[in-house]
Amino acid sequence: MKIVLMGDMDTVLGFKLAGVHEAYSFGETSLETERAKNKLKELIEREDVGIILITERLAERVEIPEVKFPIILQIPDKFGSIYGEAQLREIVRKAIGVEIKR
């Protein structure tokens, strides 16, 4: 199963260097948002994708559907989390069933 990232150019570059299988970058225009929505739909339908990482700021612009598989996990970008640490813990708990403790 592949891990795929969707986000801004800097986040994508960092994850590519870390070895993520596929990564797609999107700008902030409405055309780029439409591209991101279409790519997300495509990735959800693929059988070889197990985890989709999407930056929080991009996730705000596209509608994230409720799906059981693949796992869709929102992550902070280079500016940090827009939800805060408590919300990130809850997202991880819901996505993979593990509670992160400090």
N, C-alpha and C. Protein backbone atom coordinates (compact mmCIF):
# COMPACT_ATOMS: atom_id res chain seq x y z
N MET A 1 0.83 -1.19 0.00
CA MET A 1 0.00 0.00 0.00
C MET A 1 0.87 1.25 0.00
N LYS A 2 0.43 2.23 -0.75
CA LYS A 2 1.20 3.47 -0.88
C LYS A 2 0.74 4.53 0.10
N ILE A 3 1.69 5.37 0.48
CA ILE A 3 1.41 6.59 1.25
C ILE A 3 1.54 7.74 0.27
N VAL A 4 0.49 8.57 0.20
CA VAL A 4 0.46 9.68 -0.74
C VAL A 4 0.25 10.97 0.04
N LEU A 5 0.93 12.02 -0.39
CA LEU A 5 0.81 13.33 0.25
C LEU A 5 0.23 14.34 -0.72
N MET A 6 -0.65 15.18 -0.20
CA MET A 6 -1.18 16.33 -0.94
C MET A 6 -0.93 17.57 -0.09
N GLY A 7 -0.32 18.60 -0.71
CA GLY A 7 -0.06 19.80 0.08
C GLY A 7 0.63 20.87 -0.74
N ASP A 8 1.24 21.82 -0.04
CA ASP A 8 1.96 22.91 -0.68
C ASP A 8 3.33 22.42 -1.15
N MET A 9 3.98 23.19 -1.97
CA MET A 9 5.25 22.80 -2.58
C MET A 9 6.34 22.45 -1.56
N ASP A 10 6.47 23.25 -0.50
CA ASP A 10 7.53 23.01 0.49
C ASP A 10 7.28 21.72 1.28
N THR A 11 6.05 21.49 1.67
CA THR A 11 5.72 20.27 2.41
C THR A 11 5.93 19.05 1.52
N VAL A 12 5.51 19.15 0.27
CA VAL A 12 5.70 18.05 -0.69
C VAL A 12 7.18 17.73 -0.86
N LEU A 13 7.99 18.76 -1.00
CA LEU A 13 9.43 18.54 -1.17
C LEU A 13 10.02 17.80 0.03
N GLY A 14 9.66 18.22 1.23
CA GLY A 14 10.16 17.57 2.44
C GLY A 14 9.76 16.11 2.52
N PHE A 15 8.53 15.81 2.18
CA PHE A 15 8.07 14.42 2.25
C PHE A 15 8.67 13.57 1.14
N LYS A 16 8.93 14.18 -0.02
CA LYS A 16 9.60 13.43 -1.09
C LYS A 16 11.00 13.03 -0.63
N LEU A 17 11.69 13.95 0.02
CA LEU A 17 13.03 13.65 0.54
C LEU A 17 12.98 12.56 1.62
N ALA A 18 11.86 12.50 2.34
CA ALA A 18 11.70 11.49 3.39
C ALA A 18 11.27 10.14 2.83
N GLY A 19 10.92 10.09 1.54
CA GLY A 19 10.62 8.81 0.92
C GLY A 19 9.15 8.48 0.72
N VAL A 20 8.26 9.47 0.81
CA VAL A 20 6.85 9.20 0.56
C VAL A 20 6.69 8.68 -0.87
N HIS A 21 5.77 7.76 -1.09
CA HIS A 21 5.62 7.12 -2.39
C HIS A 21 5.22 8.10 -3.50
N GLU A 22 4.20 8.90 -3.24
CA GLU A 22 3.74 9.89 -4.22
C GLU A 22 3.42 11.18 -3.48
N ALA A 23 3.63 12.32 -4.14
CA ALA A 23 3.33 13.61 -3.53
C ALA A 23 2.85 14.57 -4.61
N TYR A 24 1.81 15.32 -4.28
CA TYR A 24 1.22 16.26 -5.23
C TYR A 24 1.11 17.63 -4.57
N SER A 25 1.60 18.65 -5.26
CA SER A 25 1.55 20.00 -4.71
C SER A 25 0.47 20.81 -5.42
N PHE A 26 -0.15 21.71 -4.66
CA PHE A 26 -1.22 22.55 -5.17
C PHE A 26 -1.05 23.96 -4.65
N GLY A 27 -1.30 24.93 -5.51
CA GLY A 27 -1.25 26.33 -5.13
C GLY A 27 -2.54 26.73 -4.44
N GLU A 28 -2.74 28.03 -4.32
CA GLU A 28 -3.88 28.54 -3.55
C GLU A 28 -4.99 29.12 -4.41
N THR A 29 -4.92 28.99 -5.73
CA THR A 29 -5.97 29.53 -6.59
C THR A 29 -7.17 28.60 -6.63
N SER A 30 -8.29 29.10 -7.13
CA SER A 30 -9.49 28.26 -7.24
C SER A 30 -9.27 27.12 -8.24
N LEU A 31 -8.49 27.36 -9.29
CA LEU A 31 -8.18 26.30 -10.24
C LEU A 31 -7.37 25.19 -9.56
N GLU A 32 -6.40 25.57 -8.74
CA GLU A 32 -5.60 24.59 -8.01
C GLU A 32 -6.46 23.82 -7.00
N THR A 33 -7.42 24.49 -6.39
CA THR A 33 -8.33 23.82 -5.46
C THR A 33 -9.15 22.76 -6.19
N GLU A 34 -9.61 23.08 -7.38
CA GLU A 34 -10.35 22.10 -8.19
C GLU A 34 -9.47 20.92 -8.57
N ARG A 35 -8.22 21.20 -8.93
CA ARG A 35 -7.27 20.12 -9.22
C ARG A 35 -7.09 19.22 -8.00
N ALA A 36 -6.99 19.82 -6.82
CA ALA A 36 -6.81 19.06 -5.59
C ALA A 36 -8.03 18.19 -5.30
N LYS A 37 -9.22 18.73 -5.50
CA LYS A 37 -10.46 17.96 -5.29
C LYS A 37 -10.49 16.74 -6.21
N ASN A 38 -10.15 16.96 -7.47
CA ASN A 38 -10.15 15.86 -8.43
C ASN A 38 -9.10 14.81 -8.10
N LYS A 39 -7.93 15.25 -7.67
CA LYS A 39 -6.86 14.32 -7.30
C LYS A 39 -7.26 13.50 -6.08
N LEU A 40 -7.90 14.15 -5.09
CA LEU A 40 -8.33 13.43 -3.90
C LEU A 40 -9.33 12.34 -4.26
N LYS A 41 -10.30 12.66 -5.11
CA LYS A 41 -11.28 11.66 -5.55
C LYS A 41 -10.57 10.49 -6.23
N GLU A 42 -9.62 10.81 -7.10
CA GLU A 42 -8.86 9.78 -7.80
C GLU A 42 -8.10 8.88 -6.83
N LEU A 43 -7.43 9.49 -5.86
CA LEU A 43 -6.64 8.72 -4.89
C LEU A 43 -7.52 7.81 -4.04
N ILE A 44 -8.70 8.28 -3.65
CA ILE A 44 -9.61 7.48 -2.84
C ILE A 44 -10.06 6.24 -3.61
N GLU A 45 -10.24 6.37 -4.90
CA GLU A 45 -10.72 5.25 -5.72
C GLU A 45 -9.63 4.23 -6.04
N ARG A 46 -8.37 4.62 -5.91
CA ARG A 46 -7.27 3.70 -6.22
C ARG A 46 -7.12 2.64 -5.13
N GLU A 47 -6.89 1.41 -5.55
CA GLU A 47 -6.76 0.30 -4.60
C GLU A 47 -5.35 0.19 -4.01
N ASP A 48 -4.38 0.85 -4.62
CA ASP A 48 -3.00 0.75 -4.13
C ASP A 48 -2.65 1.83 -3.11
N VAL A 49 -3.58 2.73 -2.79
CA VAL A 49 -3.32 3.82 -1.84
C VAL A 49 -3.90 3.43 -0.48
N GLY A 50 -3.04 3.41 0.55
CA GLY A 50 -3.48 3.04 1.89
C GLY A 50 -3.65 4.23 2.82
N ILE A 51 -2.81 5.26 2.64
CA ILE A 51 -2.87 6.46 3.49
C ILE A 51 -2.72 7.69 2.61
N ILE A 52 -3.61 8.65 2.83
CA ILE A 52 -3.50 9.95 2.16
C ILE A 52 -3.22 10.99 3.24
N LEU A 53 -2.05 11.61 3.16
CA LEU A 53 -1.72 12.72 4.04
C LEU A 53 -2.06 14.00 3.30
N ILE A 54 -2.80 14.89 3.95
CA ILE A 54 -3.17 16.15 3.32
C ILE A 54 -2.94 17.27 4.32
N THR A 55 -2.31 18.34 3.87
CA THR A 55 -2.05 19.44 4.79
C THR A 55 -3.37 20.07 5.23
N GLU A 56 -3.39 20.56 6.46
CA GLU A 56 -4.61 21.13 7.03
C GLU A 56 -5.15 22.28 6.20
N ARG A 57 -4.26 23.13 5.70
CA ARG A 57 -4.72 24.28 4.92
C ARG A 57 -5.35 23.85 3.59
N LEU A 58 -4.81 22.82 2.97
CA LEU A 58 -5.42 22.30 1.75
C LEU A 58 -6.74 21.60 2.07
N ALA A 59 -6.78 20.88 3.17
CA ALA A 59 -8.00 20.17 3.56
C ALA A 59 -9.15 21.14 3.82
N GLU A 60 -8.83 22.36 4.29
CA GLU A 60 -9.87 23.37 4.50
C GLU A 60 -10.52 23.78 3.18
N ARG A 61 -9.77 23.70 2.10
CA ARG A 61 -10.27 24.16 0.80
C ARG A 61 -10.99 23.06 0.01
N VAL A 62 -10.69 21.82 0.31
CA VAL A 62 -11.35 20.72 -0.39
C VAL A 62 -12.25 19.99 0.61
N GLU A 63 -13.26 19.36 0.13
CA GLU A 63 -14.17 18.63 1.01
C GLU A 63 -13.62 17.23 1.24
N ILE A 64 -13.33 16.91 2.48
CA ILE A 64 -12.79 15.59 2.82
C ILE A 64 -13.97 14.66 3.09
N PRO A 65 -14.15 13.64 2.26
CA PRO A 65 -15.28 12.72 2.48
C PRO A 65 -15.01 11.76 3.63
N GLU A 66 -16.07 11.26 4.22
CA GLU A 66 -15.96 10.25 5.28
C GLU A 66 -15.79 8.90 4.61
N VAL A 67 -14.58 8.38 4.63
CA VAL A 67 -14.31 7.06 4.06
C VAL A 67 -13.55 6.23 5.10
N LYS A 68 -13.76 4.92 5.05
CA LYS A 68 -13.04 4.04 5.96
C LYS A 68 -11.65 3.71 5.43
N PHE A 69 -11.54 3.66 4.10
CA PHE A 69 -10.26 3.34 3.50
C PHE A 69 -10.18 4.02 2.15
N PRO A 70 -9.09 4.63 1.81
CA PRO A 70 -7.84 4.75 2.56
C PRO A 70 -7.99 5.70 3.75
N ILE A 71 -7.04 5.63 4.65
CA ILE A 71 -7.01 6.54 5.79
C ILE A 71 -6.60 7.91 5.27
N ILE A 72 -7.38 8.93 5.62
CA ILE A 72 -7.05 10.31 5.25
C ILE A 72 -6.69 11.04 6.52
N LEU A 73 -5.46 11.52 6.57
CA LEU A 73 -4.95 12.15 7.78
C LEU A 73 -4.47 13.56 7.47
N GLN A 74 -5.03 14.54 8.19
CA GLN A 74 -4.59 15.92 8.01
C GLN A 74 -3.34 16.16 8.84
N ILE A 75 -2.38 16.84 8.22
CA ILE A 75 -1.11 17.12 8.89
C ILE A 75 -0.81 18.61 8.82
N PRO A 76 -0.01 19.12 9.74
CA PRO A 76 0.41 20.53 9.67
C PRO A 76 1.34 20.74 8.47
N ASP A 77 1.42 21.98 8.01
CA ASP A 77 2.36 22.31 6.95
C ASP A 77 3.53 23.08 7.56
N LYS A 78 4.28 23.77 6.74
CA LYS A 78 5.48 24.48 7.23
C LYS A 78 5.15 25.59 8.22
N PHE A 79 3.90 26.05 8.26
CA PHE A 79 3.51 27.12 9.18
C PHE A 79 3.01 26.57 10.52
N GLY A 80 2.90 25.25 10.64
CA GLY A 80 2.41 24.64 11.86
C GLY A 80 0.94 24.28 11.76
N SER A 81 0.42 23.76 12.85
CA SER A 81 -0.97 23.31 12.88
C SER A 81 -1.92 24.48 13.05
N ILE A 82 -3.02 24.44 12.32
CA ILE A 82 -4.05 25.46 12.50
C ILE A 82 -5.06 25.01 13.55
N TYR A 83 -5.03 23.73 13.93
CA TYR A 83 -5.99 23.20 14.90
C TYR A 83 -5.45 23.13 16.31
N GLY A 84 -4.15 23.09 16.47
CA GLY A 84 -3.56 22.95 17.79
C GLY A 84 -3.29 21.51 18.13
N GLU A 85 -2.52 21.32 19.16
CA GLU A 85 -2.05 19.99 19.54
C GLU A 85 -3.17 19.05 19.96
N ALA A 86 -4.14 19.54 20.73
CA ALA A 86 -5.22 18.68 21.21
C ALA A 86 -6.04 18.14 20.04
N GLN A 87 -6.32 18.98 19.08
CA GLN A 87 -7.10 18.56 17.91
C GLN A 87 -6.31 17.54 17.09
N LEU A 88 -5.01 17.73 16.95
CA LEU A 88 -4.19 16.76 16.22
C LEU A 88 -4.23 15.39 16.89
N ARG A 89 -4.16 15.36 18.20
CA ARG A 89 -4.24 14.08 18.91
C ARG A 89 -5.57 13.39 18.62
N GLU A 90 -6.65 14.16 18.61
CA GLU A 90 -7.97 13.60 18.35
C GLU A 90 -8.08 13.07 16.92
N ILE A 91 -7.52 13.79 15.97
CA ILE A 91 -7.53 13.34 14.58
C ILE A 91 -6.78 12.02 14.45
N VAL A 92 -5.63 11.91 15.07
CA VAL A 92 -4.85 10.67 15.02
C VAL A 92 -5.62 9.54 15.70
N ARG A 93 -6.23 9.83 16.84
CA ARG A 93 -6.99 8.81 17.55
C ARG A 93 -8.13 8.27 16.69
N LYS A 94 -8.85 9.16 16.03
CA LYS A 94 -9.95 8.73 15.17
C LYS A 94 -9.45 7.97 13.94
N ALA A 95 -8.34 8.44 13.37
CA ALA A 95 -7.85 7.85 12.12
C ALA A 95 -7.25 6.46 12.33
N ILE A 96 -6.46 6.29 13.40
CA ILE A 96 -5.76 5.01 13.54
C ILE A 96 -6.04 4.32 14.88
N GLY A 97 -6.87 4.94 15.72
CA GLY A 97 -7.25 4.29 16.95
C GLY A 97 -6.18 4.26 18.03
N VAL A 98 -5.22 5.15 17.95
CA VAL A 98 -4.15 5.22 18.94
C VAL A 98 -4.16 6.60 19.58
N GLU A 99 -4.11 6.63 20.92
CA GLU A 99 -4.08 7.91 21.61
C GLU A 99 -2.63 8.30 21.88
N ILE A 100 -2.27 9.51 21.49
CA ILE A 100 -0.91 10.02 21.71
C ILE A 100 -0.86 10.76 23.03
N LYS A 101 0.08 10.35 23.88
CA LYS A 101 0.23 11.01 25.18
C LYS A 101 1.57 11.68 25.25
N ARG A 102 1.62 12.77 26.00
CA ARG A 102 2.89 13.49 26.18
C ARG A 102 3.62 13.02 27.37
